[in-house]
Amino acid sequence: EDDIRSLISGILSDEGYHIREAGNSE
């Protein structure tokens, strides 16, 4: 889910972590 993925990435990015995203297993 795009919105949940963006929410998680935003929260962790604000904490200083480097984030990569994937929308499926492949």
PDB file of all heavy atoms in Angstrom:
ATOM      1  N   GLU A   1       0.852  -1.199   0.000  1.00  0.00           N
ATOM      2  CA  GLU A   1       0.000   0.000   0.000  1.00  0.00           C
ATOM      3  C   GLU A   1       0.885   1.246   0.000  1.00  0.00           C
ATOM      4  O   GLU A   1       1.677   1.467   0.923  1.00  0.00           O
ATOM      5  CB  GLU A   1      -0.925  -0.004   1.214  1.00  0.00           C
ATOM      6  CG  GLU A   1      -1.928  -1.166   1.210  1.00  0.00           C
ATOM      7  CD  GLU A   1      -2.919  -1.065   2.359  1.00  0.00           C
ATOM      8  OE1 GLU A   1      -3.430   0.055   2.590  1.00  0.00           O
ATOM      9  OE2 GLU A   1      -3.172  -2.087   3.021  1.00  0.00           O
ATOM     10  N   ASP A   2       0.717   2.070  -1.027  1.00  0.00           N
ATOM     11  CA  ASP A   2       1.597   3.224  -1.230  1.00  0.00           C
ATOM     12  C   ASP A   2       1.581   4.182  -0.040  1.00  0.00           C
ATOM     13  O   ASP A   2       2.629   4.692   0.373  1.00  0.00           O
ATOM     14  CB  ASP A   2       1.194   3.981  -2.501  1.00  0.00           C
ATOM     15  CG  ASP A   2       1.410   3.149  -3.760  1.00  0.00           C
ATOM     16  OD1 ASP A   2       2.150   2.147  -3.666  1.00  0.00           O
ATOM     17  OD2 ASP A   2       0.863   3.510  -4.810  1.00  0.00           O
ATOM     18  N   ASP A   3       0.374   4.471   0.493  1.00  0.00           N
ATOM     19  CA  ASP A   3       0.292   5.478   1.558  1.00  0.00           C
ATOM     20  C   ASP A   3       0.962   4.991   2.842  1.00  0.00           C
ATOM     21  O   ASP A   3       1.657   5.750   3.520  1.00  0.00           O
ATOM     22  CB  ASP A   3      -1.170   5.865   1.823  1.00  0.00           C
ATOM     23  CG  ASP A   3      -2.062   4.660   2.108  1.00  0.00           C
ATOM     24  OD1 ASP A   3      -1.623   3.518   1.832  1.00  0.00           O
ATOM     25  OD2 ASP A   3      -3.181   4.852   2.628  1.00  0.00           O
ATOM     26  N   ILE A   4       0.778   3.697   3.170  1.00  0.00           N
ATOM     27  CA  ILE A   4       1.408   3.158   4.381  1.00  0.00           C
ATOM     28  C   ILE A   4       2.926   3.091   4.198  1.00  0.00           C
ATOM     29  O   ILE A   4       3.698   3.417   5.105  1.00  0.00           O
ATOM     30  CB  ILE A   4       0.846   1.766   4.722  1.00  0.00           C
ATOM     31  CG1 ILE A   4      -0.651   1.873   5.038  1.00  0.00           C
ATOM     32  CG2 ILE A   4       1.603   1.155   5.900  1.00  0.00           C
ATOM     33  CD1 ILE A   4      -1.314   0.549   5.349  1.00  0.00           C
ATOM     34  N   ARG A   5       3.354   2.701   2.996  1.00  0.00           N
ATOM     35  CA  ARG A   5       4.789   2.633   2.717  1.00  0.00           C
ATOM     36  C   ARG A   5       5.426   4.022   2.841  1.00  0.00           C
ATOM     37  O   ARG A   5       6.493   4.172   3.436  1.00  0.00           O
ATOM     38  CB  ARG A   5       5.018   2.068   1.320  1.00  0.00           C
ATOM     39  CG  ARG A   5       6.493   1.801   1.026  1.00  0.00           C
ATOM     40  CD  ARG A   5       6.676   1.037  -0.277  1.00  0.00           C
ATOM     41  NE  ARG A   5       6.264   1.806  -1.446  1.00  0.00           N
ATOM     42  CZ  ARG A   5       5.209   1.533  -2.202  1.00  0.00           C
ATOM     43  NH1 ARG A   5       4.440   0.488  -1.926  1.00  0.00           N
ATOM     44  NH2 ARG A   5       4.906   2.288  -3.237  1.00  0.00           N
ATOM     45  N   SER A   6       4.751   5.034   2.316  1.00  0.00           N
ATOM     46  CA  SER A   6       5.272   6.402   2.400  1.00  0.00           C
ATOM     47  C   SER A   6       5.285   6.899   3.841  1.00  0.00           C
ATOM     48  O   SER A   6       6.209   7.615   4.260  1.00  0.00           O
ATOM     49  CB  SER A   6       4.425   7.342   1.537  1.00  0.00           C
ATOM     50  OG  SER A   6       4.500   6.986   0.176  1.00  0.00           O
ATOM     51  N   LEU A   7       4.242   6.507   4.607  1.00  0.00           N
ATOM     52  CA  LEU A   7       4.175   6.921   6.013  1.00  0.00           C
ATOM     53  C   LEU A   7       5.350   6.339   6.797  1.00  0.00           C
ATOM     54  O   LEU A   7       6.038   7.052   7.533  1.00  0.00           O
ATOM     55  CB  LEU A   7       2.851   6.451   6.618  1.00  0.00           C
ATOM     56  CG  LEU A   7       2.687   6.670   8.136  1.00  0.00           C
ATOM     57  CD1 LEU A   7       2.684   8.161   8.456  1.00  0.00           C
ATOM     58  CD2 LEU A   7       1.413   6.007   8.648  1.00  0.00           C
ATOM     59  N   ILE A   8       5.586   5.033   6.630  1.00  0.00           N
ATOM     60  CA  ILE A   8       6.687   4.374   7.348  1.00  0.00           C
ATOM     61  C   ILE A   8       8.033   4.992   6.953  1.00  0.00           C
ATOM     62  O   ILE A   8       8.866   5.315   7.804  1.00  0.00           O
ATOM     63  CB  ILE A   8       6.691   2.863   7.053  1.00  0.00           C
ATOM     64  CG1 ILE A   8       5.436   2.209   7.629  1.00  0.00           C
ATOM     65  CG2 ILE A   8       7.946   2.198   7.626  1.00  0.00           C
ATOM     66  CD1 ILE A   8       5.249   0.761   7.205  1.00  0.00           C
ATOM     67  N   SER A   9       8.211   5.191   5.655  1.00  0.00           N
ATOM     68  CA  SER A   9       9.473   5.760   5.166  1.00  0.00           C
ATOM     69  C   SER A   9       9.687   7.163   5.704  1.00  0.00           C
ATOM     70  O   SER A   9      10.808   7.533   6.088  1.00  0.00           O
ATOM     71  CB  SER A   9       9.478   5.781   3.633  1.00  0.00           C
ATOM     72  OG  SER A   9       9.373   4.472   3.116  1.00  0.00           O
ATOM     73  N   GLY A  10       8.623   7.949   5.744  1.00  0.00           N
ATOM     74  CA  GLY A  10       8.743   9.321   6.245  1.00  0.00           C
ATOM     75  C   GLY A  10       9.121   9.371   7.719  1.00  0.00           C
ATOM     76  O   GLY A  10       9.975  10.167   8.131  1.00  0.00           O
ATOM     77  N   ILE A  11       8.465   8.520   8.520  1.00  0.00           N
ATOM     78  CA  ILE A  11       8.760   8.498   9.966  1.00  0.00           C
ATOM     79  C   ILE A  11      10.223   8.122  10.212  1.00  0.00           C
ATOM     80  O   ILE A  11      10.931   8.773  10.980  1.00  0.00           O
ATOM     81  CB  ILE A  11       7.826   7.497  10.680  1.00  0.00           C
ATOM     82  CG1 ILE A  11       6.374   8.000  10.651  1.00  0.00           C
ATOM     83  CG2 ILE A  11       8.287   7.279  12.136  1.00  0.00           C
ATOM     84  CD1 ILE A  11       5.364   6.970  11.131  1.00  0.00           C
ATOM     85  N   LEU A  12      10.693   7.083   9.545  1.00  0.00           N
ATOM     86  CA  LEU A  12      12.061   6.604   9.770  1.00  0.00           C
ATOM     87  C   LEU A  12      13.098   7.528   9.150  1.00  0.00           C
ATOM     88  O   LEU A  12      14.199   7.699   9.685  1.00  0.00           O
ATOM     89  CB  LEU A  12      12.216   5.189   9.213  1.00  0.00           C
ATOM     90  CG  LEU A  12      11.365   4.128   9.920  1.00  0.00           C
ATOM     91  CD1 LEU A  12      11.477   2.786   9.205  1.00  0.00           C
ATOM     92  CD2 LEU A  12      11.776   3.980  11.388  1.00  0.00           C
ATOM     93  N   SER A  13      12.748   8.141   8.031  1.00  0.00           N
ATOM     94  CA  SER A  13      13.657   9.104   7.401  1.00  0.00           C
ATOM     95  C   SER A  13      13.873  10.313   8.310  1.00  0.00           C
ATOM     96  O   SER A  13      14.985  10.841   8.412  1.00  0.00           O
ATOM     97  CB  SER A  13      13.103   9.533   6.042  1.00  0.00           C
ATOM     98  OG  SER A  13      13.963  10.464   5.424  1.00  0.00           O
ATOM     99  N   ASP A  14      12.809  10.743   8.984  1.00  0.00           N
ATOM    100  CA  ASP A  14      12.922  11.864   9.923  1.00  0.00           C
ATOM    101  C   ASP A  14      13.849  11.541  11.092  1.00  0.00           C
ATOM    102  O   ASP A  14      14.408  12.440  11.724  1.00  0.00           O
ATOM    103  CB  ASP A  14      11.543  12.253  10.462  1.00  0.00           C
ATOM    104  CG  ASP A  14      10.677  12.938   9.415  1.00  0.00           C
ATOM    105  OD1 ASP A  14      11.239  13.381   8.393  1.00  0.00           O
ATOM    106  OD2 ASP A  14       9.445  13.002   9.604  1.00  0.00           O
ATOM    107  N   GLU A  15      14.011  10.246  11.392  1.00  0.00           N
ATOM    108  CA  GLU A  15      14.904   9.819  12.477  1.00  0.00           C
ATOM    109  C   GLU A  15      16.354   9.694  12.015  1.00  0.00           C
ATOM    110  O   GLU A  15      17.225   9.343  12.812  1.00  0.00           O
ATOM    111  CB  GLU A  15      14.435   8.473  13.038  1.00  0.00           C
ATOM    112  CG  GLU A  15      13.088   8.531  13.735  1.00  0.00           C
ATOM    113  CD  GLU A  15      13.131   9.409  14.982  1.00  0.00           C
ATOM    114  OE1 GLU A  15      14.128   9.343  15.729  1.00  0.00           O
ATOM    115  OE2 GLU A  15      12.156  10.173  15.187  1.00  0.00           O
ATOM    116  N   GLY A  16      16.594   9.963  10.735  1.00  0.00           N
ATOM    117  CA  GLY A  16      17.963   9.943  10.224  1.00  0.00           C
ATOM    118  C   GLY A  16      18.367   8.671   9.514  1.00  0.00           C
ATOM    119  O   GLY A  16      19.526   8.523   9.106  1.00  0.00           O
ATOM    120  N   TYR A  17      17.431   7.732   9.328  1.00  0.00           N
ATOM    121  CA  TYR A  17      17.761   6.487   8.643  1.00  0.00           C
ATOM    122  C   TYR A  17      17.695   6.680   7.130  1.00  0.00           C
ATOM    123  O   TYR A  17      16.915   7.495   6.617  1.00  0.00           O
ATOM    124  CB  TYR A  17      16.791   5.371   9.047  1.00  0.00           C
ATOM    125  CG  TYR A  17      16.856   5.002  10.507  1.00  0.00           C
ATOM    126  CD1 TYR A  17      15.809   5.334  11.372  1.00  0.00           C
ATOM    127  CD2 TYR A  17      17.958   4.348  11.030  1.00  0.00           C
ATOM    128  CE1 TYR A  17      15.860   5.001  12.723  1.00  0.00           C
ATOM    129  CE2 TYR A  17      18.024   4.007  12.376  1.00  0.00           C
ATOM    130  CZ  TYR A  17      16.971   4.340  13.215  1.00  0.00           C
ATOM    131  OH  TYR A  17      17.039   4.017  14.544  1.00  0.00           O
ATOM    132  N   HIS A  18      18.493   5.908   6.410  1.00  0.00           N
ATOM    133  CA  HIS A  18      18.425   5.881   4.949  1.00  0.00           C
ATOM    134  C   HIS A  18      17.377   4.845   4.552  1.00  0.00           C
ATOM    135  O   HIS A  18      17.424   3.708   5.008  1.00  0.00           O
ATOM    136  CB  HIS A  18      19.787   5.518   4.359  1.00  0.00           C
ATOM    137  CG  HIS A  18      20.880   6.476   4.733  1.00  0.00           C
ATOM    138  ND1 HIS A  18      21.230   7.555   3.955  1.00  0.00           N
ATOM    139  CD2 HIS A  18      21.687   6.524   5.824  1.00  0.00           C
ATOM    140  CE1 HIS A  18      22.215   8.211   4.538  1.00  0.00           C
ATOM    141  NE2 HIS A  18      22.501   7.613   5.680  1.00  0.00           N
ATOM    142  N   ILE A  19      16.459   5.222   3.678  1.00  0.00           N
ATOM    143  CA  ILE A  19      15.303   4.369   3.364  1.00  0.00           C
ATOM    144  C   ILE A  19      15.308   3.976   1.898  1.00  0.00           C
ATOM    145  O   ILE A  19      15.569   4.797   1.012  1.00  0.00           O
ATOM    146  CB  ILE A  19      13.974   5.097   3.686  1.00  0.00           C
ATOM    147  CG1 ILE A  19      13.983   5.616   5.136  1.00  0.00           C
ATOM    148  CG2 ILE A  19      12.799   4.155   3.440  1.00  0.00           C
ATOM    149  CD1 ILE A  19      14.103   4.540   6.180  1.00  0.00           C
ATOM    150  N   ARG A  20      15.029   2.694   1.642  1.00  0.00           N
ATOM    151  CA  ARG A  20      14.699   2.218   0.301  1.00  0.00           C
ATOM    152  C   ARG A  20      13.333   1.549   0.378  1.00  0.00           C
ATOM    153  O   ARG A  20      12.990   0.966   1.410  1.00  0.00           O
ATOM    154  CB  ARG A  20      15.752   1.236  -0.215  1.00  0.00           C
ATOM    155  CG  ARG A  20      17.067   1.913  -0.609  1.00  0.00           C
ATOM    156  CD  ARG A  20      17.994   0.937  -1.318  1.00  0.00           C
ATOM    157  NE  ARG A  20      18.444  -0.117  -0.440  1.00  0.00           N
ATOM    158  CZ  ARG A  20      18.960  -1.268  -0.868  1.00  0.00           C
ATOM    159  NH1 ARG A  20      19.036  -1.522  -2.170  1.00  0.00           N
ATOM    160  NH2 ARG A  20      19.373  -2.178  -0.012  1.00  0.00           N
ATOM    161  N   GLU A  21      12.575   1.620  -0.707  1.00  0.00           N
ATOM    162  CA  GLU A  21      11.197   1.114  -0.691  1.00  0.00           C
ATOM    163  C   GLU A  21      11.008   0.034  -1.759  1.00  0.00           C
ATOM    164  O   GLU A  21      11.662   0.042  -2.796  1.00  0.00           O
ATOM    165  CB  GLU A  21      10.205   2.251  -0.948  1.00  0.00           C
ATOM    166  CG  GLU A  21      10.229   3.348   0.105  1.00  0.00           C
ATOM    167  CD  GLU A  21       9.187   4.423  -0.178  1.00  0.00           C
ATOM    168  OE1 GLU A  21       8.352   4.213  -1.105  1.00  0.00           O
ATOM    169  OE2 GLU A  21       9.197   5.461   0.502  1.00  0.00           O
ATOM    170  N   ALA A  22      10.072  -0.889  -1.451  1.00  0.00           N
ATOM    171  CA  ALA A  22       9.663  -1.906  -2.419  1.00  0.00           C
ATOM    172  C   ALA A  22       8.174  -2.153  -2.232  1.00  0.00           C
ATOM    173  O   ALA A  22       7.676  -2.232  -1.104  1.00  0.00           O
ATOM    174  CB  ALA A  22      10.453  -3.200  -2.213  1.00  0.00           C
ATOM    175  N   GLY A  23       7.442  -2.289  -3.363  1.00  0.00           N
ATOM    176  CA  GLY A  23       6.001  -2.473  -3.289  1.00  0.00           C
ATOM    177  C   GLY A  23       5.561  -3.916  -3.424  1.00  0.00           C
ATOM    178  O   GLY A  23       4.377  -4.217  -3.225  1.00  0.00           O
ATOM    179  N   ASN A  24       6.515  -4.819  -3.750  1.00  0.00           N
ATOM    180  CA  ASN A  24       6.162  -6.226  -3.892  1.00  0.00           C
ATOM    181  C   ASN A  24       7.398  -7.078  -3.620  1.00  0.00           C
ATOM    182  O   ASN A  24       8.510  -6.557  -3.453  1.00  0.00           O
ATOM    183  CB  ASN A  24       5.581  -6.512  -5.273  1.00  0.00           C
ATOM    184  CG  ASN A  24       6.503  -6.046  -6.383  1.00  0.00           C
ATOM    185  OD1 ASN A  24       7.666  -6.430  -6.441  1.00  0.00           O
ATOM    186  ND2 ASN A  24       5.971  -5.208  -7.277  1.00  0.00           N
ATOM    187  N   SER A  25       7.210  -8.403  -3.614  1.00  0.00           N
ATOM    188  CA  SER A  25       8.312  -9.294  -3.257  1.00  0.00           C
ATOM    189  C   SER A  25       9.421  -9.287  -4.308  1.00  0.00           C
ATOM    190  O   SER A  25      10.607  -9.385  -3.966  1.00  0.00           O
ATOM    191  CB  SER A  25       7.785 -10.721  -3.057  1.00  0.00           C
ATOM    192  OG  SER A  25       7.202 -11.225  -4.248  1.00  0.00           O
ATOM    193  N   GLU A  26       9.037  -9.165  -5.607  1.00  0.00           N
ATOM    194  CA  GLU A  26      10.045  -9.178  -6.662  1.00  0.00           C
ATOM    195  C   GLU A  26      10.964  -7.962  -6.548  1.00  0.00           C
ATOM    196  O   GLU A  26      12.199  -8.074  -6.637  1.00  0.00           O
ATOM    197  CB  GLU A  26       9.372  -9.190  -8.046  1.00  0.00           C
ATOM    198  CG  GLU A  26       8.532 -10.421  -8.332  1.00  0.00           C
ATOM    199  CD  GLU A  26       7.155 -10.382  -7.654  1.00  0.00           C
ATOM    200  OE1 GLU A  26       6.700  -9.275  -7.315  1.00  0.00           O
ATOM    201  OE2 GLU A  26       6.572 -11.453  -7.432  1.00  0.00           O
TER     202      GLU A  26
END
